[in-house]
Amino acid sequence: MQRDTGPVDRYQGAARLEWWANRSTCLGAVAVEVDVVWSAEGGWGATAVSAPPLTGEDLEGFEFLMAMSPFFTLRLPDQSTFPVGVEAVAEGFRLTLDEGDPPDRQVRFDLR
């Protein structure tokens, strides 16, 4: 007997991962292909891969931002946004929904 898991919503397609230093300054963004699934039983889950793959300075910049804080904003094509935690995995990124407000980072750089 198969259990009814209820309705499942899914989005597969283009999106962006954005790293915001504060509410007005985006320090980096990466184009990604995401697979977002929501079900009443399983909750929210998502994976992403950079599209195109990150290389060179782009990869270094992304890794730098991840080291500072793994919290990004996931922006879908309809401009809806979701605060997410990002974890690098072998096949791309695992995204977890951050149910609180996005971090209000006060990033300061000493450029001497």
Protein backbone atom coordinates (compact mmCIF):
# COMPACT_ATOMS: atom_id res chain seq x y z
CA MET A 1 0.00 0.00 0.00
CA GLN A 2 1.43 3.34 -1.06
CA ARG A 3 1.09 6.25 1.33
CA ASP A 4 -0.42 9.50 0.04
CA THR A 5 2.13 12.23 0.64
CA GLY A 6 -0.20 15.05 -0.37
CA PRO A 7 0.50 17.73 -2.93
CA VAL A 8 4.07 18.38 -3.99
CA ASP A 9 5.22 21.70 -5.44
CA ARG A 10 8.43 21.80 -7.44
CA TYR A 11 10.50 24.38 -9.25
CA GLN A 12 13.36 23.35 -11.50
CA GLY A 13 15.14 26.08 -13.39
CA ALA A 14 17.26 29.19 -13.27
CA ALA A 15 17.86 31.24 -10.12
CA ARG A 16 20.58 33.29 -8.45
CA LEU A 17 22.39 32.93 -5.15
CA GLU A 18 23.15 36.41 -3.83
CA TRP A 19 25.41 37.32 -0.90
CA TRP A 20 24.31 40.56 0.72
CA ALA A 21 26.69 42.44 3.02
CA ASN A 22 23.77 44.50 4.34
CA ARG A 23 20.31 45.45 3.13
CA SER A 24 21.66 47.64 0.32
CA THR A 25 24.94 46.03 -0.83
CA CYS A 26 25.17 42.74 -2.74
CA LEU A 27 28.82 41.64 -2.80
CA GLY A 28 28.35 38.65 -5.05
CA ALA A 29 25.88 36.65 -7.09
CA VAL A 30 26.08 33.28 -8.80
CA ALA A 31 23.75 32.02 -11.52
CA VAL A 32 22.47 28.55 -10.60
CA GLU A 33 20.10 25.85 -11.77
CA VAL A 34 17.97 24.81 -8.81
CA ASP A 35 15.69 21.95 -7.96
CA VAL A 36 13.34 23.10 -5.19
CA VAL A 37 10.75 20.69 -3.77
CA TRP A 38 8.09 21.39 -1.17
CA SER A 39 5.69 18.81 0.19
CA ALA A 40 3.35 18.87 3.15
CA GLU A 41 5.04 15.77 4.55
CA GLY A 42 8.69 16.37 3.69
CA GLY A 43 8.91 20.14 3.96
CA TRP A 44 11.30 22.20 1.85
CA GLY A 45 14.44 20.93 0.16
CA ALA A 46 16.65 22.24 -2.60
CA THR A 47 19.85 21.59 -4.49
CA ALA A 48 21.69 23.84 -6.93
CA VAL A 49 24.57 23.79 -9.37
CA SER A 50 26.32 26.87 -10.71
CA ALA A 51 25.51 27.50 -14.36
CA PRO A 52 28.01 27.86 -15.88
CA PRO A 53 30.43 26.12 -13.51
CA LEU A 54 32.55 28.48 -11.41
CA THR A 55 36.24 28.66 -12.26
CA GLY A 56 39.21 30.88 -11.51
CA GLU A 57 38.49 34.19 -9.82
CA ASP A 58 34.73 33.55 -9.73
CA LEU A 59 35.28 30.34 -7.75
CA GLU A 60 37.75 32.07 -5.42
CA GLY A 61 35.27 34.90 -4.80
CA PHE A 62 32.44 32.48 -4.07
CA GLU A 63 34.61 30.45 -1.67
CA PHE A 64 35.63 33.68 0.09
CA LEU A 65 31.99 34.66 0.61
CA MET A 66 31.12 31.15 1.82
CA ALA A 67 33.97 31.35 4.34
CA MET A 68 32.66 34.68 5.64
CA SER A 69 29.08 33.37 5.98
CA PRO A 70 27.24 30.53 4.25
CA PHE A 71 23.94 32.46 4.21
CA PHE A 72 22.72 33.68 0.83
CA THR A 73 19.51 34.91 -0.75
CA LEU A 74 17.97 32.61 -3.37
CA ARG A 75 16.31 34.79 -6.03
CA LEU A 76 13.91 33.11 -8.47
CA PRO A 77 13.04 34.54 -11.91
CA ASP A 78 9.76 36.02 -10.58
CA GLN A 79 11.95 38.06 -8.14
CA SER A 80 10.73 36.13 -5.08
CA THR A 81 13.52 35.64 -2.57
CA PHE A 82 14.29 33.15 0.19
CA PRO A 83 17.04 33.28 2.79
CA VAL A 84 19.04 30.05 2.49
CA GLY A 85 22.02 28.37 4.03
CA VAL A 86 24.42 27.00 1.41
CA GLU A 87 26.56 23.92 1.84
CA ALA A 88 28.99 22.83 -0.85
CA VAL A 89 28.60 19.16 -1.77
CA ALA A 90 30.26 17.07 -4.49
CA GLU A 91 27.47 17.64 -7.02
CA GLY A 92 26.90 21.35 -6.34
CA PHE A 93 25.19 22.93 -3.34
CA ARG A 94 22.63 21.85 -0.80
CA LEU A 95 20.31 24.67 0.21
CA THR A 96 18.44 24.85 3.48
CA LEU A 97 15.67 27.33 4.13
CA ASP A 98 16.62 29.80 6.85
CA GLU A 99 13.33 30.63 8.51
CA GLY A 100 14.65 33.71 10.29
CA ASP A 101 15.42 37.07 8.75
CA PRO A 102 18.45 37.15 6.46
CA PRO A 103 21.55 38.17 8.39
CA ASP A 104 22.13 41.91 8.45
CA ARG A 105 25.87 41.76 8.03
CA GLN A 106 27.88 44.82 8.71
CA VAL A 107 30.90 44.01 6.57
CA ARG A 108 33.91 46.25 6.97
CA PHE A 109 37.13 46.01 5.03
CA ASP A 110 40.41 47.64 5.96
CA LEU A 111 41.79 48.79 2.61
CA ARG A 112 45.07 50.29 3.84
